[in-house]
Amino acid sequence: MLVTGIEILQDAHKNNYAVGAFNVNNMEIVQAIIEAAEELNSPVILQASQGGLKYAGVEYIAALGKVAAEKAKVPVALHLDHGTDFQQIMLCIRHGFSSVMIDGSQYELEENIAITKKVVEIAHAVGISVEAELGKIGGIEDDIVVDEREATFTDPMEAKLFVDKTKVDYLAIAVGTAHGVYKGEPKLDFDRIKAIKEAVNIPLVLHGSSGVPNDAIEKAVSLGINKINIDTDLRIAFTDAIKDFLKKDPDNIDPRKILGPGKEAMKEVIKEKMRLFGSAGRA
């Protein structure tokens, strides 16, 4: 069933677990996510980045997501990840997304607050949840590039001011993760997560979570992270499985047989994440 993001994340916030938000670009990825969620009886978030929407088109992503959610036996939210363009956010709302992200983290605090507040007012008026970002998460996410030296951690007191003024539903924070493939092991600022959670008392979001050690994820969840974004780990599983298949059967020209192993490999990764995050059995 299609639900809003806050319907899923409010329960995670109250009961101290996290829900995976997995990036989608095509049908096989959507199927892998939904099948994993149903097998583990887990709520789940399908999310599309700006790059995903550019690749597949908002109409296709929205249609895939809504059909999958309506057929699913578990709660599913359809979310826009890293929305930086106001028109694009409105387009996603128009096409039936149940959650959107306004990423104004590249702006100074007051401008970020003003932009976020505008999106929240419109989205809430039509019953759609909103995620915002405070602080800059390093790395590359489609068209968004943040140099490691420019990445700045989220300040707990600024976070409280931001949430109070914008009334945003959940907040993405910069606490040591990065988008893309890590060069070394990421070091999360657990004290900062705890302080932000105490200050804002809403669901917190961890971006750039692929490649973060399991014990660090578990600790972050215990301290108040409730939505965890995963993309790179799925890409790696998908492409590795397809490469392995084609190495064994290089003359195969059937897209169904080529993509099938990729879907299954992603499904196993998704199930591992759901167990790790604590969302299995929570639907």
Protein backbone atom coordinates (compact mmCIF):
# COMPACT_ATOMS: atom_id res chain seq x y z
CA MET A 1 0.00 0.00 0.00
CA LEU A 2 1.20 3.53 -0.81
CA VAL A 3 1.61 5.65 2.32
CA THR A 4 3.36 8.88 3.21
CA GLY A 5 6.93 8.93 4.44
CA ILE A 6 5.98 10.14 7.91
CA GLU A 7 3.49 7.27 8.36
CA ILE A 8 6.44 4.90 7.99
CA LEU A 9 9.08 6.93 9.79
CA GLN A 10 7.01 8.05 12.77
CA ASP A 11 6.76 4.43 13.89
CA ALA A 12 10.50 3.95 13.35
CA HIS A 13 11.11 7.10 15.40
CA LYS A 14 8.89 5.91 18.26
CA ASN A 15 10.22 2.35 18.29
CA ASN A 16 13.90 3.04 17.63
CA TYR A 17 14.58 1.34 14.29
CA ALA A 18 15.35 2.52 10.76
CA VAL A 19 13.71 2.00 7.39
CA GLY A 20 15.73 1.57 4.20
CA ALA A 21 15.25 4.03 1.37
CA PHE A 22 16.50 2.39 -1.81
CA ASN A 23 17.14 4.26 -5.07
CA VAL A 24 15.20 3.08 -8.12
CA ASN A 25 15.98 3.52 -11.81
CA ASN A 26 14.15 0.66 -13.52
CA MET A 27 11.60 -2.13 -13.06
CA GLU A 28 14.05 -4.78 -11.82
CA ILE A 29 15.24 -2.57 -8.96
CA VAL A 30 11.65 -1.78 -7.92
CA GLN A 31 10.77 -5.49 -8.00
CA ALA A 32 13.84 -6.45 -5.96
CA ILE A 33 12.96 -3.90 -3.26
CA ILE A 34 9.29 -4.85 -3.01
CA GLU A 35 9.96 -8.60 -3.03
CA ALA A 36 12.54 -8.20 -0.26
CA ALA A 37 10.15 -6.05 1.81
CA GLU A 38 7.31 -8.55 1.45
CA GLU A 39 9.51 -11.54 2.29
CA LEU A 40 10.69 -9.84 5.49
CA ASN A 41 7.41 -8.04 6.27
CA SER A 42 9.22 -4.71 6.32
CA PRO A 43 8.02 -1.18 5.52
CA VAL A 44 10.15 0.34 2.77
CA ILE A 45 10.83 3.57 0.87
CA LEU A 46 11.32 3.64 -2.89
CA GLN A 47 13.24 6.77 -3.80
CA ALA A 48 14.25 8.40 -7.06
CA SER A 49 17.17 10.77 -7.43
CA GLN A 50 17.35 13.58 -9.95
CA GLY A 51 19.56 11.32 -12.08
CA GLY A 52 17.03 8.50 -11.87
CA LEU A 53 14.22 10.81 -12.97
CA LYS A 54 16.36 12.13 -15.82
CA TYR A 55 17.13 8.56 -16.94
CA ALA A 56 13.66 7.01 -16.73
CA GLY A 57 11.35 10.04 -16.66
CA VAL A 58 9.15 11.10 -13.74
CA GLU A 59 6.08 9.51 -15.36
CA TYR A 60 7.73 6.08 -15.60
CA ILE A 61 9.22 6.20 -12.10
CA ALA A 62 5.93 7.38 -10.60
CA ALA A 63 3.95 4.70 -12.44
CA LEU A 64 6.37 1.92 -11.44
CA GLY A 65 6.42 3.07 -7.83
CA LYS A 66 2.66 3.49 -7.50
CA VAL A 67 1.84 0.13 -9.10
CA ALA A 68 4.41 -1.61 -6.89
CA ALA A 69 3.10 0.12 -3.76
CA GLU A 70 -0.55 -0.58 -4.52
CA LYS A 71 0.15 -4.29 -5.06
CA ALA A 72 2.49 -4.62 -2.08
CA LYS A 73 1.39 -6.26 1.16
CA VAL A 74 3.59 -3.86 3.16
CA PRO A 75 3.61 -0.05 3.56
CA VAL A 76 5.57 1.66 0.76
CA ALA A 77 6.45 5.34 0.38
CA LEU A 78 7.50 6.87 -2.96
CA HIS A 79 10.11 9.55 -2.27
CA LEU A 80 12.05 12.17 -4.24
CA ASP A 81 15.68 12.08 -3.15
CA HIS A 82 17.77 15.29 -3.17
CA GLY A 83 15.26 17.58 -4.83
CA THR A 84 17.04 20.87 -5.49
CA ASP A 85 14.68 22.30 -8.10
CA PHE A 86 11.32 23.65 -6.94
CA GLN A 87 9.58 22.85 -10.24
CA GLN A 88 10.81 19.26 -10.12
CA ILE A 89 9.52 18.84 -6.57
CA MET A 90 6.10 20.13 -7.66
CA LEU A 91 6.17 17.75 -10.65
CA CYS A 92 6.80 14.78 -8.35
CA ILE A 93 3.94 15.85 -6.08
CA ARG A 94 1.68 16.17 -9.12
CA HIS A 95 2.60 12.65 -10.27
CA GLY A 96 1.75 11.03 -6.95
CA PHE A 97 4.94 10.87 -4.91
CA SER A 98 4.02 10.51 -1.23
CA SER A 99 7.24 12.09 0.08
CA VAL A 100 9.71 14.65 -1.28
CA MET A 101 13.09 16.00 -0.27
CA ILE A 102 14.04 19.63 -0.59
CA ASP A 103 17.83 19.86 -0.43
CA GLY A 104 18.74 23.46 0.33
CA SER A 105 21.97 22.52 2.10
CA GLN A 106 24.07 24.44 -0.41
CA TYR A 107 22.54 27.69 0.85
CA GLU A 108 23.14 29.65 4.04
CA LEU A 109 20.89 28.72 6.98
CA GLU A 110 18.23 31.44 6.57
CA GLU A 111 17.81 30.78 2.84
CA ASN A 112 17.65 27.02 3.43
CA ILE A 113 14.92 27.65 6.02
CA ALA A 114 12.94 29.88 3.63
CA ILE A 115 13.11 27.42 0.71
CA THR A 116 12.28 24.43 2.91
CA LYS A 117 9.38 26.22 4.59
CA LYS A 118 7.83 27.01 1.20
CA VAL A 119 7.98 23.35 0.10
CA VAL A 120 6.65 22.13 3.46
CA GLU A 121 3.63 24.45 3.30
CA ILE A 122 2.67 23.24 -0.19
CA ALA A 123 3.39 19.53 0.42
CA HIS A 124 1.61 19.41 3.77
CA ALA A 125 -1.45 21.06 2.22
CA VAL A 126 -1.86 17.99 -0.01
CA GLY A 127 -0.81 15.42 2.62
CA ILE A 128 2.74 14.76 1.45
CA SER A 129 5.74 14.38 3.77
CA VAL A 130 8.95 16.41 3.45
CA GLU A 131 12.61 15.68 4.13
CA ALA A 132 15.20 18.45 4.27
CA GLU A 133 18.97 18.55 4.71
CA LEU A 134 21.10 20.59 7.06
CA GLY A 135 24.88 20.46 6.79
CA LYS A 136 26.71 19.29 3.68
CA ILE A 137 27.26 15.59 3.02
CA GLY A 138 30.43 15.01 1.01
CA GLY A 139 30.79 13.04 -2.24
CA ILE A 140 28.82 12.84 -5.48
CA GLU A 141 25.07 12.26 -5.83
CA ASP A 142 24.10 12.59 -9.51
CA ASP A 143 24.41 16.32 -10.29
CA ILE A 144 25.32 17.31 -6.71
CA VAL A 145 29.04 17.41 -5.89
CA VAL A 146 30.36 18.35 -2.43
CA ASP A 147 34.12 18.45 -1.98
CA GLU A 148 35.36 16.64 1.15
CA ARG A 149 36.85 19.91 2.41
CA GLU A 150 33.48 21.65 1.98
CA ALA A 151 31.46 19.01 3.80
CA THR A 152 30.28 20.48 7.09
CA PHE A 153 28.72 18.63 9.99
CA THR A 154 25.22 19.54 11.20
CA ASP A 155 25.08 21.73 14.30
CA PRO A 156 22.49 20.47 16.85
CA MET A 157 21.26 23.93 17.83
CA GLU A 158 20.95 25.00 14.18
CA ALA A 159 19.01 21.78 13.58
CA LYS A 160 16.52 22.68 16.32
CA LEU A 161 16.05 26.18 14.91
CA PHE A 162 15.65 24.76 11.41
CA VAL A 163 13.03 22.18 12.41
CA ASP A 164 11.10 24.66 14.58
CA LYS A 165 10.90 27.18 11.76
CA THR A 166 10.23 24.84 8.82
CA LYS A 167 8.06 22.13 10.45
CA VAL A 168 9.86 19.58 8.24
CA ASP A 169 8.93 15.91 8.88
CA TYR A 170 12.41 14.34 8.84
CA LEU A 171 15.90 15.72 8.61
CA ALA A 172 19.00 14.51 6.76
CA ILE A 173 22.12 15.30 8.77
CA ALA A 174 25.84 15.43 7.98
CA VAL A 175 27.66 13.31 10.57
CA GLY A 176 30.53 11.72 8.65
CA THR A 177 29.05 9.78 5.73
CA ALA A 178 29.58 10.55 2.03
CA HIS A 179 27.84 9.74 -1.25
CA GLY A 180 29.43 7.20 -3.58
CA VAL A 181 32.23 4.70 -2.96
CA TYR A 182 34.37 5.33 0.12
CA LYS A 183 38.16 5.67 -0.17
CA GLY A 184 38.56 4.59 3.46
CA GLU A 185 36.33 3.60 6.35
CA PRO A 186 33.87 6.38 7.26
CA LYS A 187 33.91 7.62 10.86
CA LEU A 188 30.50 8.66 12.14
CA ASP A 189 30.10 11.31 14.85
CA PHE A 190 27.82 9.39 17.21
CA ASP A 191 27.76 12.11 19.88
CA ARG A 192 26.47 14.52 17.23
CA ILE A 193 23.69 12.13 16.17
CA LYS A 194 22.58 11.79 19.80
CA ALA A 195 22.68 15.56 20.37
CA ILE A 196 20.70 16.33 17.20
CA LYS A 197 18.07 13.71 18.05
CA GLU A 198 17.60 15.16 21.52
CA ALA A 199 17.36 18.67 20.08
CA VAL A 200 14.81 18.04 17.29
CA ASN A 201 12.93 14.87 18.36
CA ILE A 202 11.90 13.91 14.79
CA PRO A 203 13.06 11.10 12.47
CA LEU A 204 16.67 11.56 11.32
CA VAL A 205 18.07 10.49 7.95
CA LEU A 206 21.51 9.10 7.10
CA HIS A 207 22.62 9.61 3.50
CA GLY A 208 25.67 7.96 1.91
CA SER A 209 25.26 4.78 3.95
CA SER A 210 26.52 2.21 1.45
CA GLY A 211 29.88 0.96 2.70
CA VAL A 212 29.42 2.09 6.31
CA PRO A 213 30.37 -0.82 8.66
CA ASN A 214 27.42 -2.73 10.15
CA ASP A 215 28.35 -1.97 13.74
CA ALA A 216 28.42 1.76 12.96
CA ILE A 217 24.98 1.54 11.33
CA GLU A 218 23.57 -0.32 14.35
CA LYS A 219 24.92 2.30 16.73
CA ALA A 220 23.61 5.17 14.58
CA VAL A 221 20.14 3.58 14.58
CA SER A 222 20.25 3.13 18.35
CA LEU A 223 20.98 6.86 18.68
CA GLY A 224 18.09 8.03 16.51
CA ILE A 225 18.65 7.44 12.78
CA ASN A 226 15.33 6.30 11.27
CA LYS A 227 15.78 6.49 7.48
CA ILE A 228 18.88 5.10 5.80
CA ASN A 229 19.59 5.71 2.11
CA ILE A 230 21.17 2.93 0.07
CA ASP A 231 22.15 3.16 -3.60
CA THR A 232 25.80 2.25 -4.25
CA ASP A 233 25.56 -1.18 -2.60
CA LEU A 234 22.68 -2.05 -4.94
CA ARG A 235 24.58 -0.86 -8.00
CA ILE A 236 27.55 -3.02 -7.07
CA ALA A 237 25.41 -6.13 -6.47
CA PHE A 238 23.46 -5.58 -9.70
CA THR A 239 26.45 -5.07 -11.99
CA ASP A 240 28.60 -7.80 -10.39
CA ALA A 241 25.84 -10.39 -10.86
CA ILE A 242 25.31 -9.39 -14.50
CA LYS A 243 29.06 -9.49 -15.20
CA ASP A 244 29.28 -12.96 -13.66
CA PHE A 245 26.33 -14.18 -15.74
CA LEU A 246 27.74 -12.85 -19.01
CA LYS A 247 31.17 -14.29 -18.23
CA LYS A 248 29.57 -17.74 -17.92
CA ASP A 249 27.13 -17.26 -20.82
CA PRO A 250 28.61 -14.57 -23.12
CA ASP A 251 26.35 -15.40 -26.09
CA ASN A 252 23.07 -14.95 -24.21
CA ILE A 253 20.97 -12.15 -25.71
CA ASP A 254 17.83 -12.45 -23.54
CA PRO A 255 17.52 -9.31 -21.34
CA ARG A 256 15.29 -11.23 -18.92
CA LYS A 257 17.94 -13.85 -18.28
CA ILE A 258 20.72 -11.24 -18.10
CA LEU A 259 18.92 -8.89 -15.70
CA GLY A 260 17.32 -11.61 -13.57
CA PRO A 261 20.49 -12.49 -11.62
CA GLY A 262 21.06 -8.79 -11.01
CA LYS A 263 17.61 -8.47 -9.48
CA GLU A 264 18.15 -11.47 -7.22
CA ALA A 265 21.55 -10.16 -6.07
CA MET A 266 20.03 -6.78 -5.17
CA LYS A 267 17.21 -8.50 -3.29
CA GLU A 268 19.68 -10.32 -1.04
CA VAL A 269 21.51 -7.05 -0.26
CA ILE A 270 18.21 -5.30 0.51
CA LYS A 271 17.16 -8.08 2.89
CA GLU A 272 20.51 -7.85 4.69
CA LYS A 273 19.98 -4.09 5.11
CA MET A 274 16.42 -4.50 6.39
CA ARG A 275 17.58 -6.96 9.06
CA LEU A 276 20.46 -4.65 9.99
CA PHE A 277 18.22 -1.57 10.24
CA GLY A 278 15.66 -3.39 12.40
CA SER A 279 12.70 -2.91 10.02
CA ALA A 280 12.13 -6.64 9.34
CA GLY A 281 8.82 -7.72 10.85
CA ARG A 282 7.66 -4.13 11.45
CA ALA A 283 5.10 -3.83 8.62
